[in-house]
């Protein structure tokens, strides 16, 4: 147990908890498919598919795909970073 933890009044943990809840809600909201349903309709419109339209949306999709992969990796890293703390506390008890 670190000194920082000993003197923590719980405010840092409460703040972190709130941020994690907000993040979890953001992941849930980001998983909504309603935006994609609209996009599927838009991209099939006859006047939409110019080369410029395709390039812009393809670049945005590339960025979104990278962000999704990074977000998934970060979720895993958060767990990896938090688990050893719990494991050490259980051993010390």
PDB file of N, CA and C in Angstrom:
ATOM      1  N   UNK A   1       0.853  -1.171   0.000  1.00  0.00           N
ATOM      2  CA  UNK A   1       0.000   0.000   0.000  1.00  0.00           C
ATOM      3  C   UNK A   1       0.900   1.234   0.000  1.00  0.00           C
ATOM      4  N   UNK A   2       0.662   2.174  -0.861  1.00  0.00           N
ATOM      5  CA  UNK A   2       1.508   3.359  -0.936  1.00  0.00           C
ATOM      6  C   UNK A   2       1.027   4.427   0.040  1.00  0.00           C
ATOM      7  N   UNK A   3       1.947   5.354   0.376  1.00  0.00           N
ATOM      8  CA  UNK A   3       1.569   6.454   1.266  1.00  0.00           C
ATOM      9  C   UNK A   3       0.440   7.270   0.663  1.00  0.00           C
ATOM     10  N   UNK A   4       0.496   7.449  -0.644  1.00  0.00           N
ATOM     11  CA  UNK A   4      -0.533   8.239  -1.307  1.00  0.00           C
ATOM     12  C   UNK A   4      -1.910   7.621  -1.062  1.00  0.00           C
ATOM     13  N   UNK A   5      -1.986   6.314  -1.100  1.00  0.00           N
ATOM     14  CA  UNK A   5      -3.270   5.640  -0.863  1.00  0.00           C
ATOM     15  C   UNK A   5      -3.709   5.804   0.593  1.00  0.00           C
ATOM     16  N   UNK A   6      -2.776   5.720   1.505  1.00  0.00           N
ATOM     17  CA  UNK A   6      -3.097   5.838   2.925  1.00  0.00           C
ATOM     18  C   UNK A   6      -3.752   7.181   3.226  1.00  0.00           C
ATOM     19  N   UNK A   7      -3.275   8.245   2.610  1.00  0.00           N
ATOM     20  CA  UNK A   7      -3.778   9.585   2.898  1.00  0.00           C
ATOM     21  C   UNK A   7      -4.900  10.027   1.954  1.00  0.00           C
ATOM     22  N   UNK A   8      -5.306   9.159   1.059  1.00  0.00           N
ATOM     23  CA  UNK A   8      -6.393   9.485   0.140  1.00  0.00           C
ATOM     24  C   UNK A   8      -7.703   9.523   0.922  1.00  0.00           C
ATOM     25  N   UNK A   9      -8.412  10.641   0.858  1.00  0.00           N
ATOM     26  CA  UNK A   9      -9.687  10.768   1.567  1.00  0.00           C
ATOM     27  C   UNK A   9     -10.832  10.164   0.764  1.00  0.00           C
ATOM     28  N   UNK A  10     -10.519   9.590  -0.357  1.00  0.00           N
ATOM     29  CA  UNK A  10     -11.544   9.011  -1.215  1.00  0.00           C
ATOM     30  C   UNK A  10     -11.968   9.935  -2.335  1.00  0.00           C
ATOM     31  N   UNK A  11     -11.532  11.187  -2.277  1.00  0.00           N
ATOM     32  CA  UNK A  11     -11.925  12.138  -3.318  1.00  0.00           C
ATOM     33  C   UNK A  11     -11.372  11.733  -4.683  1.00  0.00           C
ATOM     34  N   UNK A  12     -10.111  11.296  -4.717  1.00  0.00           N
ATOM     35  CA  UNK A  12      -9.517  10.897  -5.994  1.00  0.00           C
ATOM     36  C   UNK A  12     -10.214   9.663  -6.555  1.00  0.00           C
ATOM     37  N   UNK A  13     -10.532   8.731  -5.687  1.00  0.00           N
ATOM     38  CA  UNK A  13     -11.219   7.522  -6.133  1.00  0.00           C
ATOM     39  C   UNK A  13     -12.626   7.866  -6.621  1.00  0.00           C
ATOM     40  N   UNK A  14     -13.306   8.737  -5.897  1.00  0.00           N
ATOM     41  CA  UNK A  14     -14.656   9.149  -6.314  1.00  0.00           C
ATOM     42  C   UNK A  14     -14.609   9.860  -7.659  1.00  0.00           C
ATOM     43  N   UNK A  15     -13.612  10.714  -7.841  1.00  0.00           N
ATOM     44  CA  UNK A  15     -13.477  11.416  -9.120  1.00  0.00           C
ATOM     45  C   UNK A  15     -13.191  10.427 -10.242  1.00  0.00           C
ATOM     46  N   UNK A  16     -12.276   9.487  -9.995  1.00  0.00           N
ATOM     47  CA  UNK A  16     -11.953   8.477 -10.999  1.00  0.00           C
ATOM     48  C   UNK A  16     -13.173   7.627 -11.317  1.00  0.00           C
ATOM     49  N   UNK A  17     -13.922   7.255 -10.299  1.00  0.00           N
ATOM     50  CA  UNK A  17     -15.138   6.469 -10.504  1.00  0.00           C
ATOM     51  C   UNK A  17     -16.110   7.215 -11.424  1.00  0.00           C
ATOM     52  N   UNK A  18     -16.310   8.490 -11.160  1.00  0.00           N
ATOM     53  CA  UNK A  18     -17.207   9.287 -11.996  1.00  0.00           C
ATOM     54  C   UNK A  18     -16.728   9.369 -13.435  1.00  0.00           C
ATOM     55  N   UNK A  19     -15.424   9.547 -13.603  1.00  0.00           N
ATOM     56  CA  UNK A  19     -14.865   9.613 -14.958  1.00  0.00           C
ATOM     57  C   UNK A  19     -15.016   8.284 -15.681  1.00  0.00           C
ATOM     58  N   UNK A  20     -14.815   7.166 -14.949  1.00  0.00           N
ATOM     59  CA  UNK A  20     -14.986   5.854 -15.562  1.00  0.00           C
ATOM     60  C   UNK A  20     -16.441   5.601 -15.940  1.00  0.00           C
ATOM     61  N   UNK A  21     -17.380   6.031 -15.095  1.00  0.00           N
ATOM     62  CA  UNK A  21     -18.812   5.892 -15.421  1.00  0.00           C
ATOM     63  C   UNK A  21     -19.149   6.674 -16.690  1.00  0.00           C
ATOM     64  N   UNK A  22     -18.648   7.908 -16.776  1.00  0.00           N
ATOM     65  CA  UNK A  22     -18.879   8.735 -17.969  1.00  0.00           C
ATOM     66  C   UNK A  22     -18.274   8.077 -19.198  1.00  0.00           C
ATOM     67  N   UNK A  23     -17.077   7.526 -19.050  1.00  0.00           N
ATOM     68  CA  UNK A  23     -16.421   6.844 -20.157  1.00  0.00           C
ATOM     69  C   UNK A  23     -17.222   5.624 -20.596  1.00  0.00           C
ATOM     70  N   UNK A  24     -17.708   4.851 -19.624  1.00  0.00           N
ATOM     71  CA  UNK A  24     -18.519   3.676 -19.949  1.00  0.00           C
ATOM     72  C   UNK A  24     -19.791   4.079 -20.695  1.00  0.00           C
ATOM     73  N   UNK A  25     -20.425   5.159 -20.245  1.00  0.00           N
ATOM     74  CA  UNK A  25     -21.623   5.651 -20.937  1.00  0.00           C
ATOM     75  C   UNK A  25     -21.277   6.105 -22.357  1.00  0.00           C
ATOM     76  N   UNK A  26     -20.101   6.720 -22.513  1.00  0.00           N
ATOM     77  CA  UNK A  26     -19.659   7.145 -23.841  1.00  0.00           C
ATOM     78  C   UNK A  26     -19.458   5.965 -24.772  1.00  0.00           C
ATOM     79  N   UNK A  27     -18.905   4.859 -24.249  1.00  0.00           N
ATOM     80  CA  UNK A  27     -18.736   3.669 -25.070  1.00  0.00           C
ATOM     81  C   UNK A  27     -20.095   3.093 -25.466  1.00  0.00           C
ATOM     82  N   UNK A  28     -21.043   3.124 -24.529  1.00  0.00           N
ATOM     83  CA  UNK A  28     -22.383   2.630 -24.831  1.00  0.00           C
ATOM     84  C   UNK A  28     -23.037   3.486 -25.909  1.00  0.00           C
ATOM     85  N   UNK A  29     -22.946   4.795 -25.739  1.00  0.00           N
ATOM     86  CA  UNK A  29     -23.536   5.718 -26.717  1.00  0.00           C
ATOM     87  C   UNK A  29     -22.851   5.583 -28.073  1.00  0.00           C
ATOM     88  N   UNK A  30     -21.535   5.416 -28.059  1.00  0.00           N
ATOM     89  CA  UNK A  30     -20.789   5.271 -29.307  1.00  0.00           C
ATOM     90  C   UNK A  30     -21.180   3.994 -30.043  1.00  0.00           C
ATOM     91  N   UNK A  31     -21.688   3.012 -29.287  1.00  0.00           N
ATOM     92  CA  UNK A  31     -22.092   1.755 -29.891  1.00  0.00           C
ATOM     93  C   UNK A  31     -23.470   1.801 -30.532  1.00  0.00           C
ATOM     94  N   UNK A  32     -24.161   2.921 -30.411  1.00  0.00           N
ATOM     95  CA  UNK A  32     -25.488   3.054 -31.013  1.00  0.00           C
ATOM     96  C   UNK A  32     -25.368   2.984 -32.530  1.00  0.00           C
ATOM     97  N   UNK A  33     -26.286   2.303 -33.161  1.00  0.00           N
ATOM     98  CA  UNK A  33     -26.212   2.128 -34.612  1.00  0.00           C
ATOM     99  C   UNK A  33     -27.120   3.076 -35.393  1.00  0.00           C
ATOM    100  N   UNK A  34     -27.853   3.959 -34.718  1.00  0.00           N
ATOM    101  CA  UNK A  34     -28.794   4.829 -35.433  1.00  0.00           C
ATOM    102  C   UNK A  34     -28.079   5.741 -36.433  1.00  0.00           C
ATOM    103  N   UNK A  35     -26.892   6.227 -36.074  1.00  0.00           N
ATOM    104  CA  UNK A  35     -26.135   7.069 -37.007  1.00  0.00           C
ATOM    105  C   UNK A  35     -25.768   6.281 -38.258  1.00  0.00           C
ATOM    106  N   UNK A  36     -25.394   5.025 -38.058  1.00  0.00           N
ATOM    107  CA  UNK A  36     -25.001   4.215 -39.199  1.00  0.00           C
ATOM    108  C   UNK A  36     -26.178   3.917 -40.111  1.00  0.00           C
ATOM    109  N   UNK A  37     -27.358   3.728 -39.524  1.00  0.00           N
ATOM    110  CA  UNK A  37     -28.532   3.491 -40.360  1.00  0.00           C
ATOM    111  C   UNK A  37     -28.771   4.674 -41.284  1.00  0.00           C
ATOM    112  N   UNK A  38     -28.597   5.884 -40.771  1.00  0.00           N
ATOM    113  CA  UNK A  38     -28.746   7.073 -41.615  1.00  0.00           C
ATOM    114  C   UNK A  38     -27.646   7.133 -42.666  1.00  0.00           C
ATOM    115  N   UNK A  39     -26.413   6.825 -42.276  1.00  0.00           N
ATOM    116  CA  UNK A  39     -25.307   6.827 -43.237  1.00  0.00           C
ATOM    117  C   UNK A  39     -25.529   5.821 -44.357  1.00  0.00           C
ATOM    118  N   UNK A  40     -26.046   4.641 -44.013  1.00  0.00           N
ATOM    119  CA  UNK A  40     -26.318   3.635 -45.042  1.00  0.00           C
ATOM    120  C   UNK A  40     -27.295   4.170 -46.079  1.00  0.00           C
ATOM    121  N   UNK A  41     -28.295   4.916 -45.618  1.00  0.00           N
ATOM    122  CA  UNK A  41     -29.272   5.510 -46.533  1.00  0.00           C
ATOM    123  C   UNK A  41     -28.623   6.600 -47.384  1.00  0.00           C
ATOM    124  N   UNK A  42     -27.855   7.460 -46.738  1.00  0.00           N
ATOM    125  CA  UNK A  42     -27.228   8.586 -47.442  1.00  0.00           C
ATOM    126  C   UNK A  42     -26.295   8.107 -48.547  1.00  0.00           C
ATOM    127  N   UNK A  43     -25.429   7.141 -48.248  1.00  0.00           N
ATOM    128  CA  UNK A  43     -24.427   6.744 -49.250  1.00  0.00           C
ATOM    129  C   UNK A  43     -25.038   6.030 -50.453  1.00  0.00           C
ATOM    130  N   UNK A  44     -26.268   5.597 -50.326  1.00  0.00           N
ATOM    131  CA  UNK A  44     -26.934   4.966 -51.468  1.00  0.00           C
ATOM    132  C   UNK A  44     -27.785   5.936 -52.282  1.00  0.00           C
ATOM    133  N   UNK A  45     -27.801   7.204 -51.876  1.00  0.00           N
ATOM    134  CA  UNK A  45     -28.537   8.199 -52.647  1.00  0.00           C
ATOM    135  C   UNK A  45     -27.833   8.415 -53.986  1.00  0.00           C
ATOM    136  N   UNK A  46     -28.583   8.506 -55.092  1.00  0.00           N
ATOM    137  CA  UNK A  46     -27.971   8.606 -56.419  1.00  0.00           C
ATOM    138  C   UNK A  46     -27.027   9.807 -56.600  1.00  0.00           C
ATOM    139  N   UNK A  47     -27.325  10.939 -55.999  1.00  0.00           N
ATOM    140  CA  UNK A  47     -26.498  12.129 -56.206  1.00  0.00           C
ATOM    141  C   UNK A  47     -25.344  12.247 -55.211  1.00  0.00           C
ATOM    142  N   UNK A  48     -25.223  11.311 -54.315  1.00  0.00           N
ATOM    143  CA  UNK A  48     -24.236  11.460 -53.251  1.00  0.00           C
ATOM    144  C   UNK A  48     -22.838  11.015 -53.648  1.00  0.00           C
ATOM    145  N   UNK A  49     -22.715   9.967 -54.375  1.00  0.00           N
ATOM    146  CA  UNK A  49     -21.431   9.300 -54.532  1.00  0.00           C
ATOM    147  C   UNK A  49     -20.514   9.936 -55.572  1.00  0.00           C
ATOM    148  N   UNK A  50     -20.078  11.167 -55.305  1.00  0.00           N
ATOM    149  CA  UNK A  50     -19.015  11.744 -56.124  1.00  0.00           C
ATOM    150  C   UNK A  50     -17.691  11.239 -55.571  1.00  0.00           C
ATOM    151  N   UNK A  51     -16.640  11.370 -56.334  1.00  0.00           N
ATOM    152  CA  UNK A  51     -15.325  10.939 -55.860  1.00  0.00           C
ATOM    153  C   UNK A  51     -14.910  11.704 -54.612  1.00  0.00           C
ATOM    154  N   UNK A  52     -15.257  12.984 -54.554  1.00  0.00           N
ATOM    155  CA  UNK A  52     -14.927  13.784 -53.377  1.00  0.00           C
ATOM    156  C   UNK A  52     -15.674  13.271 -52.150  1.00  0.00           C
ATOM    157  N   UNK A  53     -16.971  12.990 -52.312  1.00  0.00           N
ATOM    158  CA  UNK A  53     -17.759  12.447 -51.201  1.00  0.00           C
ATOM    159  C   UNK A  53     -17.147  11.146 -50.688  1.00  0.00           C
ATOM    160  N   UNK A  54     -16.834  10.267 -51.618  1.00  0.00           N
ATOM    161  CA  UNK A  54     -16.264   8.982 -51.231  1.00  0.00           C
ATOM    162  C   UNK A  54     -14.934   9.151 -50.502  1.00  0.00           C
ATOM    163  N   UNK A  55     -14.076  10.019 -50.998  1.00  0.00           N
ATOM    164  CA  UNK A  55     -12.768  10.222 -50.380  1.00  0.00           C
ATOM    165  C   UNK A  55     -12.899  10.786 -48.971  1.00  0.00           C
ATOM    166  N   UNK A  56     -13.737  11.794 -48.808  1.00  0.00           N
ATOM    167  CA  UNK A  56     -13.907  12.413 -47.489  1.00  0.00           C
ATOM    168  C   UNK A  56     -14.438  11.395 -46.482  1.00  0.00           C
ATOM    169  N   UNK A  57     -15.479  10.691 -46.844  1.00  0.00           N
ATOM    170  CA  UNK A  57     -16.073   9.737 -45.906  1.00  0.00           C
ATOM    171  C   UNK A  57     -15.130   8.559 -45.666  1.00  0.00           C
ATOM    172  N   UNK A  58     -14.426   8.100 -46.692  1.00  0.00           N
ATOM    173  CA  UNK A  58     -13.456   7.030 -46.486  1.00  0.00           C
ATOM    174  C   UNK A  58     -12.359   7.440 -45.508  1.00  0.00           C
ATOM    175  N   UNK A  59     -11.881   8.663 -45.593  1.00  0.00           N
ATOM    176  CA  UNK A  59     -10.856   9.138 -44.666  1.00  0.00           C
ATOM    177  C   UNK A  59     -11.413   9.228 -43.241  1.00  0.00           C
ATOM    178  N   UNK A  60     -12.653   9.673 -43.120  1.00  0.00           N
ATOM    179  CA  UNK A  60     -13.287   9.725 -41.798  1.00  0.00           C
ATOM    180  C   UNK A  60     -13.476   8.324 -41.228  1.00  0.00           C
ATOM    181  N   UNK A  61     -13.860   7.377 -42.071  1.00  0.00           N
ATOM    182  CA  UNK A  61     -14.020   5.988 -41.620  1.00  0.00           C
ATOM    183  C   UNK A  61     -12.664   5.419 -41.198  1.00  0.00           C
ATOM    184  N   UNK A  62     -11.615   5.722 -41.962  1.00  0.00           N
ATOM    185  CA  UNK A  62     -10.263   5.269 -41.579  1.00  0.00           C
ATOM    186  C   UNK A  62      -9.913   5.763 -40.184  1.00  0.00           C
ATOM    187  N   UNK A  63     -10.171   7.034 -39.933  1.00  0.00           N
ATOM    188  CA  UNK A  63      -9.870   7.625 -38.628  1.00  0.00           C
ATOM    189  C   UNK A  63     -10.712   6.986 -37.536  1.00  0.00           C
ATOM    190  N   UNK A  64     -11.997   6.785 -37.799  1.00  0.00           N
ATOM    191  CA  UNK A  64     -12.885   6.159 -36.814  1.00  0.00           C
ATOM    192  C   UNK A  64     -12.438   4.735 -36.510  1.00  0.00           C
ATOM    193  N   UNK A  65     -12.016   3.994 -37.530  1.00  0.00           N
ATOM    194  CA  UNK A  65     -11.538   2.625 -37.324  1.00  0.00           C
ATOM    195  C   UNK A  65     -10.286   2.614 -36.432  1.00  0.00           C
ATOM    196  N   UNK A  66      -9.363   3.530 -36.688  1.00  0.00           N
ATOM    197  CA  UNK A  66      -8.158   3.625 -35.851  1.00  0.00           C
ATOM    198  C   UNK A  66      -8.530   3.988 -34.417  1.00  0.00           C
ATOM    199  N   UNK A  67      -9.441   4.955 -34.264  1.00  0.00           N
ATOM    200  CA  UNK A  67      -9.861   5.373 -32.922  1.00  0.00           C
ATOM    201  C   UNK A  67     -10.537   4.230 -32.176  1.00  0.00           C
ATOM    202  N   UNK A  68     -11.345   3.451 -32.878  1.00  0.00           N
ATOM    203  CA  UNK A  68     -12.015   2.311 -32.253  1.00  0.00           C
ATOM    204  C   UNK A  68     -10.996   1.280 -31.777  1.00  0.00           C
ATOM    205  N   UNK A  69     -10.012   0.989 -32.620  1.00  0.00           N
ATOM    206  CA  UNK A  69      -8.974   0.031 -32.237  1.00  0.00           C
ATOM    207  C   UNK A  69      -8.179   0.554 -31.042  1.00  0.00           C
ATOM    208  N   UNK A  70      -7.853   1.832 -31.052  1.00  0.00           N
ATOM    209  CA  UNK A  70      -7.111   2.428 -29.940  1.00  0.00           C
ATOM    210  C   UNK A  70      -7.946   2.437 -28.661  1.00  0.00           C
ATOM    211  N   UNK A  71      -9.238   2.723 -28.785  1.00  0.00           N
ATOM    212  CA  UNK A  71     -10.115   2.731 -27.613  1.00  0.00           C
ATOM    213  C   UNK A  71     -10.202   1.339 -27.011  1.00  0.00           C
ATOM    214  N   UNK A  72     -10.312   0.321 -27.847  1.00  0.00           N
ATOM    215  CA  UNK A  72     -10.358  -1.059 -27.342  1.00  0.00           C
ATOM    216  C   UNK A  72      -9.052  -1.408 -26.639  1.00  0.00           C
ATOM    217  N   UNK A  73      -7.933  -0.986 -27.210  1.00  0.00           N
ATOM    218  CA  UNK A  73      -6.634  -1.250 -26.585  1.00  0.00           C
ATOM    219  C   UNK A  73      -6.524  -0.527 -25.237  1.00  0.00           C
ATOM    220  N   UNK A  74      -6.990   0.720 -25.188  1.00  0.00           N
ATOM    221  CA  UNK A  74      -6.932   1.484 -23.944  1.00  0.00           C
ATOM    222  C   UNK A  74      -7.797   0.864 -22.846  1.00  0.00           C
ATOM    223  N   UNK A  75      -8.952   0.332 -23.221  1.00  0.00           N
ATOM    224  CA  UNK A  75      -9.801  -0.346 -22.228  1.00  0.00           C
ATOM    225  C   UNK A  75      -9.052  -1.508 -21.608  1.00  0.00           C
ATOM    226  N   UNK A  76      -8.388  -2.281 -22.438  1.00  0.00           N
ATOM    227  CA  UNK A  76      -7.600  -3.403 -21.935  1.00  0.00           C
ATOM    228  C   UNK A  76      -6.455  -2.947 -21.054  1.00  0.00           C
ATOM    229  N   UNK A  77      -5.803  -1.864 -21.449  1.00  0.00           N
ATOM    230  CA  UNK A  77      -4.686  -1.344 -20.652  1.00  0.00           C
ATOM    231  C   UNK A  77      -5.150  -0.803 -19.309  1.00  0.00           C
ATOM    232  N   UNK A  78      -6.345  -0.204 -19.263  1.00  0.00           N
ATOM    233  CA  UNK A  78      -6.876   0.272 -17.981  1.00  0.00           C
ATOM    234  C   UNK A  78      -7.023  -0.901 -17.015  1.00  0.00           C
ATOM    235  N   UNK A  79      -7.550  -2.011 -17.511  1.00  0.00           N
ATOM    236  CA  UNK A  79      -7.703  -3.196 -16.658  1.00  0.00           C
ATOM    237  C   UNK A  79      -6.353  -3.759 -16.245  1.00  0.00           C
ATOM    238  N   UNK A  80      -5.431  -3.836 -17.199  1.00  0.00           N
ATOM    239  CA  UNK A  80      -4.098  -4.343 -16.866  1.00  0.00           C
ATOM    240  C   UNK A  80      -3.419  -3.468 -15.823  1.00  0.00           C
ATOM    241  N   UNK A  81      -3.625  -2.162 -15.913  1.00  0.00           N
ATOM    242  CA  UNK A  81      -3.023  -1.249 -14.955  1.00  0.00           C
ATOM    243  C   UNK A  81      -3.671  -1.313 -13.591  1.00  0.00           C
ATOM    244  N   UNK A  82      -4.959  -1.599 -13.536  1.00  0.00           N
ATOM    245  CA  UNK A  82      -5.687  -1.612 -12.265  1.00  0.00           C
ATOM    246  C   UNK A  82      -5.588  -2.960 -11.549  1.00  0.00           C
ATOM    247  N   UNK A  83      -5.542  -4.041 -12.291  1.00  0.00           N
ATOM    248  CA  UNK A  83      -5.553  -5.376 -11.663  1.00  0.00           C
ATOM    249  C   UNK A  83      -4.391  -5.625 -10.713  1.00  0.00           C
ATOM    250  N   UNK A  84      -3.163  -5.271 -11.052  1.00  0.00           N
ATOM    251  CA  UNK A  84      -2.069  -5.561 -10.113  1.00  0.00           C
ATOM    252  C   UNK A  84      -2.263  -4.905  -8.752  1.00  0.00           C
ATOM    253  N   UNK A  85      -2.893  -3.751  -8.711  1.00  0.00           N
ATOM    254  CA  UNK A  85      -3.141  -3.053  -7.443  1.00  0.00           C
ATOM    255  C   UNK A  85      -4.063  -3.926  -6.584  1.00  0.00           C
ATOM    256  N   UNK A  86      -5.118  -4.437  -7.156  1.00  0.00           N
ATOM    257  CA  UNK A  86      -6.057  -5.293  -6.435  1.00  0.00           C
ATOM    258  C   UNK A  86      -5.386  -6.579  -6.016  1.00  0.00           C
ATOM    259  N   UNK A  87      -4.598  -7.176  -6.915  1.00  0.00           N
ATOM    260  CA  UNK A  87      -3.922  -8.417  -6.603  1.00  0.00           C
ATOM    261  C   UNK A  87      -2.960  -8.243  -5.437  1.00  0.00           C
ATOM    262  N   UNK A  88      -2.205  -7.127  -5.412  1.00  0.00           N
ATOM    263  CA  UNK A  88      -1.264  -6.871  -4.324  1.00  0.00           C
ATOM    264  C   UNK A  88      -2.004  -6.640  -3.006  1.00  0.00           C
ATOM    265  N   UNK A  89      -3.157  -5.951  -3.056  1.00  0.00           N
ATOM    266  CA  UNK A  89      -3.937  -5.703  -1.838  1.00  0.00           C
ATOM    267  C   UNK A  89      -4.456  -7.018  -1.261  1.00  0.00           C
ATOM    268  N   UNK A  90      -4.868  -7.919  -2.128  1.00  0.00           N
ATOM    269  CA  UNK A  90      -5.394  -9.207  -1.674  1.00  0.00           C
ATOM    270  C   UNK A  90      -4.288 -10.031  -1.019  1.00  0.00           C
ATOM    271  N   UNK A  91      -3.086  -9.949  -1.570  1.00  0.00           N
ATOM    272  CA  UNK A  91      -1.962 -10.706  -1.019  1.00  0.00           C
ATOM    273  C   UNK A  91      -1.563 -10.154   0.358  1.00  0.00           C
ATOM    274  N   UNK A  92      -1.595  -8.800   0.486  1.00  0.00           N
ATOM    275  CA  UNK A  92      -1.189  -8.162   1.736  1.00  0.00           C
ATOM    276  C   UNK A  92      -2.187  -8.430   2.869  1.00  0.00           C
ATOM    277  N   UNK A  93      -3.436  -8.707   2.527  1.00  0.00           N
ATOM    278  CA  UNK A  93      -4.474  -8.895   3.545  1.00  0.00           C
ATOM    279  C   UNK A  93      -4.403 -10.210   4.203  1.00  0.00           C
TER     280      UNK A  93
END
